[in-house]
Amino acid sequence: MEAAITALVAFIGGGVALNNRLHNRINNVHDRISGLDRRIDAIELNVAQDYVSKADLSVMVQRMEDHMVRIENKLDQIVLRN
């Protein structure tokens, strides 16, 4: 009887130890995933603050080209007058 109780206690202790170890690994993985998630969020925020969308850039380039064409036309008119 004592051997059975000892074996049962050892089995339960082993199960508890295994359970704790699994939870520690799961928590470790969860912490690493959370850390990666925070880093990705920081990168996304950085990109959103520092870079321009393609649509916005296209609008700005088009405005710049329109201004350059107007300047070229004015220069052409000045050259033709002289």
N, C-alpha and C. Protein backbone atom coordinates (compact mmCIF):
# COMPACT_ATOMS: atom_id res chain seq x y z
N MET A 1 0.82 -1.19 0.00
CA MET A 1 0.00 0.00 0.00
C MET A 1 0.87 1.26 0.00
N GLU A 2 1.90 1.26 0.84
CA GLU A 2 2.77 2.43 0.90
C GLU A 2 3.46 2.68 -0.44
N ALA A 3 3.81 1.62 -1.11
CA ALA A 3 4.47 1.75 -2.41
C ALA A 3 3.53 2.38 -3.43
N ALA A 4 2.26 2.00 -3.37
CA ALA A 4 1.27 2.56 -4.30
C ALA A 4 1.08 4.05 -4.02
N ILE A 5 1.00 4.43 -2.74
CA ILE A 5 0.83 5.84 -2.38
C ILE A 5 2.07 6.63 -2.81
N THR A 6 3.25 6.07 -2.59
CA THR A 6 4.49 6.74 -2.99
C THR A 6 4.53 6.91 -4.50
N ALA A 7 4.13 5.87 -5.22
CA ALA A 7 4.11 5.95 -6.69
C ALA A 7 3.11 6.99 -7.16
N LEU A 8 1.93 7.04 -6.52
CA LEU A 8 0.91 8.02 -6.88
C LEU A 8 1.39 9.44 -6.61
N VAL A 9 2.03 9.66 -5.47
CA VAL A 9 2.56 10.98 -5.13
C VAL A 9 3.65 11.37 -6.14
N ALA A 10 4.51 10.41 -6.49
CA ALA A 10 5.57 10.69 -7.47
C ALA A 10 4.96 11.00 -8.84
N PHE A 11 3.92 10.26 -9.22
CA PHE A 11 3.25 10.49 -10.49
C PHE A 11 2.61 11.88 -10.52
N ILE A 12 1.92 12.24 -9.45
CA ILE A 12 1.29 13.56 -9.37
C ILE A 12 2.36 14.65 -9.37
N GLY A 13 3.44 14.44 -8.62
CA GLY A 13 4.54 15.42 -8.60
C GLY A 13 5.16 15.59 -9.98
N GLY A 14 5.35 14.47 -10.69
CA GLY A 14 5.89 14.54 -12.05
C GLY A 14 4.94 15.28 -12.99
N GLY A 15 3.64 15.01 -12.83
CA GLY A 15 2.64 15.72 -13.65
C GLY A 15 2.65 17.21 -13.38
N VAL A 16 2.75 17.58 -12.12
CA VAL A 16 2.81 19.00 -11.75
C VAL A 16 4.06 19.65 -12.32
N ALA A 17 5.18 18.96 -12.21
CA ALA A 17 6.44 19.50 -12.74
C ALA A 17 6.35 19.66 -14.26
N LEU A 18 5.80 18.66 -14.94
CA LEU A 18 5.63 18.75 -16.39
C LEU A 18 4.69 19.88 -16.76
N ASN A 19 3.60 20.01 -16.01
CA ASN A 19 2.64 21.08 -16.26
C ASN A 19 3.29 22.46 -16.08
N ASN A 20 4.08 22.62 -15.02
CA ASN A 20 4.76 23.90 -14.78
C ASN A 20 5.74 24.20 -15.91
N ARG A 21 6.44 23.16 -16.34
CA ARG A 21 7.42 23.37 -17.41
C ARG A 21 6.74 23.78 -18.72
N LEU A 22 5.62 23.13 -19.02
CA LEU A 22 4.87 23.50 -20.22
C LEU A 22 4.35 24.94 -20.13
N HIS A 23 3.82 25.30 -18.97
CA HIS A 23 3.32 26.67 -18.80
C HIS A 23 4.45 27.69 -18.92
N ASN A 24 5.62 27.36 -18.39
CA ASN A 24 6.76 28.27 -18.51
C ASN A 24 7.15 28.45 -19.97
N ARG A 25 7.16 27.35 -20.71
CA ARG A 25 7.50 27.46 -22.15
C ARG A 25 6.45 28.27 -22.90
N ILE A 26 5.18 28.01 -22.59
CA ILE A 26 4.10 28.76 -23.24
C ILE A 26 4.22 30.24 -22.90
N ASN A 27 4.47 30.55 -21.65
CA ASN A 27 4.62 31.95 -21.25
C ASN A 27 5.83 32.60 -21.92
N ASN A 28 6.92 31.83 -22.06
CA ASN A 28 8.11 32.34 -22.73
C ASN A 28 7.81 32.66 -24.18
N VAL A 29 7.12 31.73 -24.85
CA VAL A 29 6.74 31.96 -26.26
C VAL A 29 5.80 33.16 -26.34
N HIS A 30 4.85 33.23 -25.43
CA HIS A 30 3.91 34.36 -25.43
C HIS A 30 4.64 35.69 -25.23
N ASP A 31 5.60 35.71 -24.32
CA ASP A 31 6.38 36.93 -24.08
C ASP A 31 7.18 37.33 -25.32
N ARG A 32 7.76 36.33 -25.99
CA ARG A 32 8.53 36.62 -27.20
C ARG A 32 7.61 37.15 -28.30
N ILE A 33 6.44 36.54 -28.45
CA ILE A 33 5.49 37.01 -29.46
C ILE A 33 5.03 38.43 -29.13
N SER A 34 4.76 38.69 -27.85
CA SER A 34 4.34 40.04 -27.45
C SER A 34 5.44 41.05 -27.74
N GLY A 35 6.69 40.66 -27.48
CA GLY A 35 7.82 41.56 -27.77
C GLY A 35 7.93 41.84 -29.25
N LEU A 36 7.78 40.81 -30.07
CA LEU A 36 7.82 41.01 -31.53
C LEU A 36 6.67 41.88 -31.99
N ASP A 37 5.50 41.68 -31.39
CA ASP A 37 4.34 42.48 -31.75
C ASP A 37 4.58 43.95 -31.42
N ARG A 38 5.17 44.22 -30.27
CA ARG A 38 5.48 45.61 -29.90
C ARG A 38 6.50 46.22 -30.87
N ARG A 39 7.51 45.42 -31.27
CA ARG A 39 8.51 45.93 -32.20
C ARG A 39 7.89 46.22 -33.57
N ILE A 40 7.01 45.34 -34.03
CA ILE A 40 6.34 45.57 -35.32
C ILE A 40 5.46 46.80 -35.24
N ASP A 41 4.75 46.98 -34.13
CA ASP A 41 3.92 48.18 -33.96
C ASP A 41 4.78 49.44 -34.02
N ALA A 42 5.95 49.39 -33.40
CA ALA A 42 6.84 50.55 -33.41
C ALA A 42 7.32 50.84 -34.83
N ILE A 43 7.63 49.79 -35.59
CA ILE A 43 8.07 49.98 -36.97
C ILE A 43 6.93 50.56 -37.81
N GLU A 44 5.72 50.03 -37.63
CA GLU A 44 4.57 50.56 -38.38
C GLU A 44 4.35 52.04 -38.07
N LEU A 45 4.46 52.39 -36.81
CA LEU A 45 4.29 53.79 -36.43
C LEU A 45 5.37 54.66 -37.04
N ASN A 46 6.60 54.17 -37.03
CA ASN A 46 7.72 54.90 -37.61
C ASN A 46 7.51 55.11 -39.11
N VAL A 47 7.09 54.06 -39.80
CA VAL A 47 6.85 54.17 -41.24
C VAL A 47 5.72 55.17 -41.50
N ALA A 48 4.65 55.09 -40.72
CA ALA A 48 3.52 55.99 -40.91
C ALA A 48 3.93 57.45 -40.68
N GLN A 49 4.85 57.67 -39.76
CA GLN A 49 5.26 59.05 -39.46
C GLN A 49 6.29 59.57 -40.45
N ASP A 50 7.18 58.71 -40.94
CA ASP A 50 8.32 59.17 -41.73
C ASP A 50 8.16 59.06 -43.23
N TYR A 51 7.22 58.27 -43.70
CA TYR A 51 7.12 58.03 -45.13
C TYR A 51 5.77 58.49 -45.67
N VAL A 52 5.74 58.74 -46.97
CA VAL A 52 4.55 59.26 -47.63
C VAL A 52 3.95 58.13 -48.45
N SER A 53 2.62 58.11 -48.51
CA SER A 53 1.98 57.08 -49.31
C SER A 53 2.22 57.35 -50.80
N LYS A 54 2.08 56.32 -51.59
CA LYS A 54 2.33 56.44 -53.03
C LYS A 54 1.34 57.43 -53.67
N ALA A 55 0.11 57.40 -53.23
CA ALA A 55 -0.90 58.32 -53.78
C ALA A 55 -0.53 59.77 -53.45
N ASP A 56 -0.13 60.03 -52.20
CA ASP A 56 0.24 61.40 -51.82
C ASP A 56 1.48 61.85 -52.60
N LEU A 57 2.45 60.95 -52.76
CA LEU A 57 3.65 61.30 -53.50
C LEU A 57 3.31 61.62 -54.95
N SER A 58 2.41 60.85 -55.53
CA SER A 58 2.00 61.09 -56.92
C SER A 58 1.39 62.47 -57.07
N VAL A 59 0.56 62.86 -56.13
CA VAL A 59 -0.06 64.19 -56.18
C VAL A 59 1.01 65.28 -56.07
N MET A 60 1.96 65.09 -55.17
CA MET A 60 3.02 66.09 -54.99
C MET A 60 3.90 66.20 -56.23
N VAL A 61 4.24 65.06 -56.83
CA VAL A 61 5.07 65.08 -58.02
C VAL A 61 4.33 65.76 -59.17
N GLN A 62 3.04 65.48 -59.29
CA GLN A 62 2.25 66.11 -60.35
C GLN A 62 2.21 67.63 -60.16
N ARG A 63 2.04 68.09 -58.94
CA ARG A 63 2.04 69.53 -58.68
C ARG A 63 3.39 70.14 -59.03
N MET A 64 4.47 69.44 -58.67
CA MET A 64 5.81 69.94 -58.98
C MET A 64 6.01 70.01 -60.49
N GLU A 65 5.55 68.98 -61.21
CA GLU A 65 5.69 68.99 -62.66
C GLU A 65 4.89 70.13 -63.28
N ASP A 66 3.70 70.38 -62.76
CA ASP A 66 2.88 71.49 -63.27
C ASP A 66 3.60 72.83 -63.07
N HIS A 67 4.20 73.00 -61.90
CA HIS A 67 4.95 74.23 -61.64
C HIS A 67 6.15 74.35 -62.59
N MET A 68 6.85 73.25 -62.80
CA MET A 68 8.01 73.28 -63.70
C MET A 68 7.59 73.62 -65.14
N VAL A 69 6.47 73.09 -65.58
CA VAL A 69 5.98 73.39 -66.93
C VAL A 69 5.64 74.88 -67.03
N ARG A 70 5.02 75.43 -66.01
CA ARG A 70 4.70 76.87 -66.03
C ARG A 70 5.98 77.71 -66.07
N ILE A 71 6.99 77.31 -65.29
CA ILE A 71 8.26 78.04 -65.30
C ILE A 71 8.91 77.93 -66.68
N GLU A 72 8.89 76.73 -67.27
CA GLU A 72 9.47 76.56 -68.61
C GLU A 72 8.75 77.44 -69.63
N ASN A 73 7.43 77.50 -69.54
CA ASN A 73 6.67 78.34 -70.47
C ASN A 73 7.03 79.81 -70.31
N LYS A 74 7.17 80.25 -69.08
CA LYS A 74 7.55 81.64 -68.84
C LYS A 74 8.95 81.92 -69.38
N LEU A 75 9.87 80.99 -69.17
CA LEU A 75 11.23 81.17 -69.69
C LEU A 75 11.22 81.20 -71.22
N ASP A 76 10.41 80.33 -71.82
CA ASP A 76 10.29 80.34 -73.29
C ASP A 76 9.77 81.68 -73.79
N GLN A 77 8.79 82.23 -73.11
CA GLN A 77 8.26 83.52 -73.51
C GLN A 77 9.29 84.63 -73.39
N ILE A 78 10.10 84.58 -72.33
CA ILE A 78 11.15 85.57 -72.14
C ILE A 78 12.18 85.46 -73.26
N VAL A 79 12.56 84.24 -73.60
CA VAL A 79 13.55 84.04 -74.66
C VAL A 79 13.00 84.52 -76.00
N LEU A 80 11.74 84.24 -76.28
CA LEU A 80 11.13 84.64 -77.56
C LEU A 80 11.00 86.16 -77.67
N ARG A 81 10.81 86.85 -76.57
CA ARG A 81 10.69 88.31 -76.60
C ARG A 81 12.03 88.94 -76.96
N ASN A 82 13.11 88.35 -76.51
CA ASN A 82 14.42 88.94 -76.73
C ASN A 82 14.97 88.48 -78.01
